[in-house]
N, C-alpha and C. Protein backbone atom coordinates (compact mmCIF):
# COMPACT_ATOMS: atom_id res chain seq x y z
N THR A 1 4.69 -16.11 -18.95
CA THR A 1 4.38 -15.25 -17.82
C THR A 1 3.69 -14.00 -18.33
N HIS A 2 2.62 -13.62 -17.68
CA HIS A 2 1.88 -12.43 -18.08
C HIS A 2 2.45 -11.19 -17.42
N SER A 3 2.32 -10.07 -18.11
CA SER A 3 2.76 -8.79 -17.57
C SER A 3 1.80 -8.33 -16.48
N PRO A 4 2.24 -7.41 -15.62
CA PRO A 4 1.32 -6.85 -14.60
C PRO A 4 0.09 -6.21 -15.25
N THR A 5 0.28 -5.56 -16.39
CA THR A 5 -0.85 -4.93 -17.09
C THR A 5 -1.90 -5.97 -17.47
N HIS A 6 -1.45 -7.10 -17.99
CA HIS A 6 -2.38 -8.17 -18.37
C HIS A 6 -3.15 -8.68 -17.16
N LYS A 7 -2.46 -8.90 -16.07
CA LYS A 7 -3.12 -9.40 -14.86
C LYS A 7 -4.17 -8.43 -14.35
N VAL A 8 -3.85 -7.15 -14.36
CA VAL A 8 -4.80 -6.15 -13.86
C VAL A 8 -5.98 -6.01 -14.81
N LYS A 9 -5.73 -5.97 -16.10
CA LYS A 9 -6.85 -5.78 -17.04
C LYS A 9 -7.85 -6.92 -16.95
N MET A 10 -7.40 -8.12 -16.60
CA MET A 10 -8.31 -9.26 -16.51
C MET A 10 -9.27 -9.14 -15.33
N ALA A 11 -9.02 -8.21 -14.42
CA ALA A 11 -9.93 -7.99 -13.30
C ALA A 11 -11.16 -7.19 -13.72
N TYR A 12 -11.15 -6.66 -14.95
CA TYR A 12 -12.25 -5.82 -15.43
C TYR A 12 -12.99 -6.52 -16.56
N THR A 13 -14.27 -6.20 -16.71
CA THR A 13 -15.06 -6.78 -17.78
C THR A 13 -14.62 -6.20 -19.12
N GLU A 14 -14.93 -6.91 -20.20
CA GLU A 14 -14.55 -6.45 -21.54
C GLU A 14 -15.19 -5.10 -21.88
N ASP A 15 -16.33 -4.80 -21.30
CA ASP A 15 -17.03 -3.54 -21.60
C ASP A 15 -16.90 -2.51 -20.47
N THR A 16 -15.85 -2.63 -19.66
CA THR A 16 -15.66 -1.71 -18.54
C THR A 16 -15.56 -0.27 -19.04
N LYS A 17 -15.96 0.67 -18.19
CA LYS A 17 -15.87 2.10 -18.50
C LYS A 17 -15.11 2.78 -17.38
N TRP A 18 -14.09 3.52 -17.74
CA TRP A 18 -13.23 4.23 -16.79
C TRP A 18 -13.21 5.70 -17.11
N ARG A 19 -13.01 6.50 -16.06
CA ARG A 19 -12.69 7.91 -16.23
C ARG A 19 -11.48 8.20 -15.37
N ASN A 20 -10.48 8.83 -15.97
CA ASN A 20 -9.31 9.27 -15.24
C ASN A 20 -9.13 10.75 -15.57
N ARG A 21 -9.62 11.58 -14.67
CA ARG A 21 -9.65 13.03 -14.90
C ARG A 21 -10.38 13.32 -16.20
N SER A 22 -9.68 13.80 -17.24
CA SER A 22 -10.36 14.14 -18.49
C SER A 22 -10.25 13.04 -19.53
N THR A 23 -9.71 11.90 -19.15
CA THR A 23 -9.56 10.77 -20.07
C THR A 23 -10.68 9.76 -19.81
N PHE A 24 -11.38 9.40 -20.87
CA PHE A 24 -12.46 8.42 -20.78
C PHE A 24 -12.04 7.18 -21.55
N LEU A 25 -12.13 6.04 -20.89
CA LEU A 25 -11.71 4.78 -21.49
C LEU A 25 -12.89 3.82 -21.54
N GLU A 26 -12.95 3.05 -22.62
CA GLU A 26 -13.98 2.02 -22.74
C GLU A 26 -13.32 0.73 -23.16
N GLY A 27 -13.58 -0.31 -22.41
CA GLY A 27 -13.09 -1.63 -22.75
C GLY A 27 -11.76 -1.97 -22.10
N ARG A 28 -11.59 -3.23 -21.92
CA ARG A 28 -10.41 -3.78 -21.25
C ARG A 28 -9.11 -3.40 -21.96
N GLU A 29 -9.09 -3.40 -23.29
CA GLU A 29 -7.86 -3.11 -24.02
C GLU A 29 -7.43 -1.65 -23.86
N GLN A 30 -8.38 -0.72 -23.83
CA GLN A 30 -8.03 0.69 -23.59
C GLN A 30 -7.48 0.87 -22.19
N VAL A 31 -8.04 0.17 -21.23
CA VAL A 31 -7.55 0.23 -19.86
C VAL A 31 -6.11 -0.29 -19.81
N ALA A 32 -5.85 -1.41 -20.46
CA ALA A 32 -4.51 -2.00 -20.47
C ALA A 32 -3.50 -1.05 -21.11
N SER A 33 -3.85 -0.44 -22.21
CA SER A 33 -2.96 0.51 -22.88
C SER A 33 -2.66 1.72 -21.99
N PHE A 34 -3.70 2.25 -21.37
CA PHE A 34 -3.55 3.38 -20.46
C PHE A 34 -2.62 3.03 -19.30
N LEU A 35 -2.84 1.87 -18.69
CA LEU A 35 -2.02 1.46 -17.55
C LEU A 35 -0.57 1.23 -17.95
N LYS A 36 -0.33 0.63 -19.12
CA LYS A 36 1.04 0.40 -19.56
C LYS A 36 1.78 1.72 -19.70
N GLN A 37 1.16 2.70 -20.35
CA GLN A 37 1.79 4.02 -20.51
C GLN A 37 2.05 4.66 -19.16
N LYS A 38 1.08 4.56 -18.28
CA LYS A 38 1.20 5.14 -16.94
C LYS A 38 2.35 4.50 -16.17
N TRP A 39 2.40 3.18 -16.18
CA TRP A 39 3.41 2.47 -15.40
C TRP A 39 4.80 2.55 -16.02
N ASP A 40 4.88 2.86 -17.32
CA ASP A 40 6.19 3.06 -17.95
C ASP A 40 6.87 4.32 -17.42
N ARG A 41 6.09 5.31 -17.00
CA ARG A 41 6.68 6.56 -16.50
C ARG A 41 6.57 6.72 -14.98
N GLU A 42 5.82 5.88 -14.30
CA GLU A 42 5.65 5.95 -12.85
C GLU A 42 6.24 4.70 -12.21
N HIS A 43 7.25 4.88 -11.35
CA HIS A 43 7.98 3.76 -10.76
C HIS A 43 7.68 3.64 -9.27
N ASN A 44 7.88 2.43 -8.73
CA ASN A 44 7.62 2.15 -7.31
C ASN A 44 6.20 2.57 -6.93
N TYR A 45 5.29 2.19 -7.77
CA TYR A 45 3.88 2.55 -7.68
C TYR A 45 3.24 1.89 -6.46
N ARG A 46 2.48 2.66 -5.70
CA ARG A 46 1.71 2.14 -4.56
C ARG A 46 0.28 2.63 -4.68
N LEU A 47 -0.68 1.72 -4.68
CA LEU A 47 -2.09 2.06 -4.88
C LEU A 47 -2.91 1.69 -3.65
N ILE A 48 -3.79 2.60 -3.26
CA ILE A 48 -4.74 2.35 -2.17
C ILE A 48 -6.13 2.57 -2.76
N LYS A 49 -7.01 1.59 -2.62
CA LYS A 49 -8.38 1.72 -3.13
C LYS A 49 -9.36 1.69 -1.96
N GLU A 50 -10.37 2.54 -2.06
CA GLU A 50 -11.40 2.62 -1.02
C GLU A 50 -12.77 2.63 -1.70
N LEU A 51 -13.61 1.67 -1.36
CA LEU A 51 -14.96 1.61 -1.91
C LEU A 51 -15.81 2.69 -1.27
N TRP A 52 -16.38 3.58 -2.09
CA TRP A 52 -17.22 4.66 -1.56
C TRP A 52 -18.69 4.27 -1.55
N ALA A 53 -19.16 3.72 -2.65
CA ALA A 53 -20.58 3.37 -2.75
C ALA A 53 -20.76 2.34 -3.86
N TYR A 54 -21.89 1.65 -3.79
CA TYR A 54 -22.19 0.72 -4.87
C TYR A 54 -23.69 0.56 -4.98
N SER A 55 -24.12 0.16 -6.17
CA SER A 55 -25.52 -0.19 -6.41
C SER A 55 -25.50 -1.49 -7.22
N GLU A 56 -26.63 -1.85 -7.74
CA GLU A 56 -26.71 -3.11 -8.46
C GLU A 56 -25.77 -3.17 -9.66
N ARG A 57 -25.57 -2.03 -10.36
CA ARG A 57 -24.79 -2.04 -11.60
C ARG A 57 -23.57 -1.12 -11.60
N ARG A 58 -23.32 -0.39 -10.53
CA ARG A 58 -22.20 0.57 -10.51
C ARG A 58 -21.51 0.56 -9.16
N ILE A 59 -20.22 0.95 -9.22
CA ILE A 59 -19.50 1.17 -7.98
C ILE A 59 -18.74 2.48 -8.10
N ALA A 60 -18.50 3.13 -6.99
CA ALA A 60 -17.65 4.32 -6.94
C ALA A 60 -16.47 3.98 -6.03
N VAL A 61 -15.26 4.24 -6.52
CA VAL A 61 -14.05 3.88 -5.81
C VAL A 61 -13.14 5.10 -5.73
N ARG A 62 -12.52 5.28 -4.57
CA ARG A 62 -11.52 6.34 -4.40
C ARG A 62 -10.15 5.69 -4.49
N PHE A 63 -9.29 6.27 -5.34
CA PHE A 63 -7.93 5.79 -5.50
C PHE A 63 -6.97 6.84 -4.98
N ALA A 64 -6.03 6.43 -4.17
CA ALA A 64 -4.92 7.29 -3.75
C ALA A 64 -3.65 6.52 -4.09
N TYR A 65 -2.69 7.21 -4.71
CA TYR A 65 -1.48 6.48 -5.06
C TYR A 65 -0.25 7.36 -4.98
N GLU A 66 0.87 6.66 -4.86
CA GLU A 66 2.18 7.30 -4.78
C GLU A 66 3.08 6.62 -5.80
N TYR A 67 4.03 7.37 -6.31
CA TYR A 67 5.00 6.81 -7.24
C TYR A 67 6.20 7.74 -7.33
N GLN A 68 7.25 7.25 -7.97
CA GLN A 68 8.40 8.07 -8.27
C GLN A 68 8.46 8.26 -9.77
N ASN A 69 8.76 9.49 -10.20
CA ASN A 69 8.89 9.75 -11.63
C ASN A 69 10.29 9.35 -12.09
N GLU A 70 10.61 9.64 -13.37
CA GLU A 70 11.91 9.25 -13.91
C GLU A 70 13.08 9.87 -13.15
N GLN A 71 12.86 11.02 -12.52
CA GLN A 71 13.91 11.68 -11.75
C GLN A 71 13.93 11.19 -10.29
N GLN A 72 13.17 10.13 -10.00
CA GLN A 72 13.09 9.54 -8.67
C GLN A 72 12.49 10.49 -7.63
N GLN A 73 11.67 11.42 -8.07
CA GLN A 73 10.98 12.33 -7.15
C GLN A 73 9.65 11.71 -6.75
N GLN A 74 9.32 11.84 -5.47
CA GLN A 74 8.07 11.29 -4.94
C GLN A 74 6.89 12.10 -5.44
N GLN A 75 5.82 11.43 -5.88
CA GLN A 75 4.60 12.07 -6.33
C GLN A 75 3.43 11.43 -5.59
N ASP A 76 2.45 12.23 -5.22
CA ASP A 76 1.23 11.73 -4.58
C ASP A 76 0.04 12.21 -5.39
N ASP A 77 -0.99 11.41 -5.45
CA ASP A 77 -2.17 11.79 -6.21
C ASP A 77 -3.39 11.08 -5.63
N VAL A 78 -4.55 11.69 -5.80
CA VAL A 78 -5.80 11.10 -5.36
C VAL A 78 -6.79 11.26 -6.49
N GLU A 79 -7.56 10.22 -6.77
CA GLU A 79 -8.57 10.25 -7.83
C GLU A 79 -9.85 9.61 -7.31
N ASN A 80 -10.94 10.00 -7.90
CA ASN A 80 -12.22 9.34 -7.66
C ASN A 80 -12.67 8.80 -8.99
N LYS A 81 -13.08 7.54 -9.03
CA LYS A 81 -13.51 6.92 -10.28
C LYS A 81 -14.86 6.28 -10.10
N ASP A 82 -15.67 6.42 -11.10
CA ASP A 82 -16.95 5.71 -11.20
C ASP A 82 -16.75 4.58 -12.19
N LYS A 83 -17.21 3.40 -11.85
CA LYS A 83 -17.11 2.29 -12.81
C LYS A 83 -18.50 1.78 -13.08
């Protein structure tokens, strides 16, 4: 059985490029590592994705998500990502 991180990373190309605030990631393995660390500290994660724009080679997506931290406190966040 594959982990959730493995399943999600397979949705991206091997040469994918991500930006998460000041963190820049390149490649599927960096994305998987980033997500594992994120999900280890964020529980009951809920993700909403909204397609903003796309062209032949790029897409822009808005992410809004909620989670509980280790103290079970609710957290909300919104990000914009270019892929």
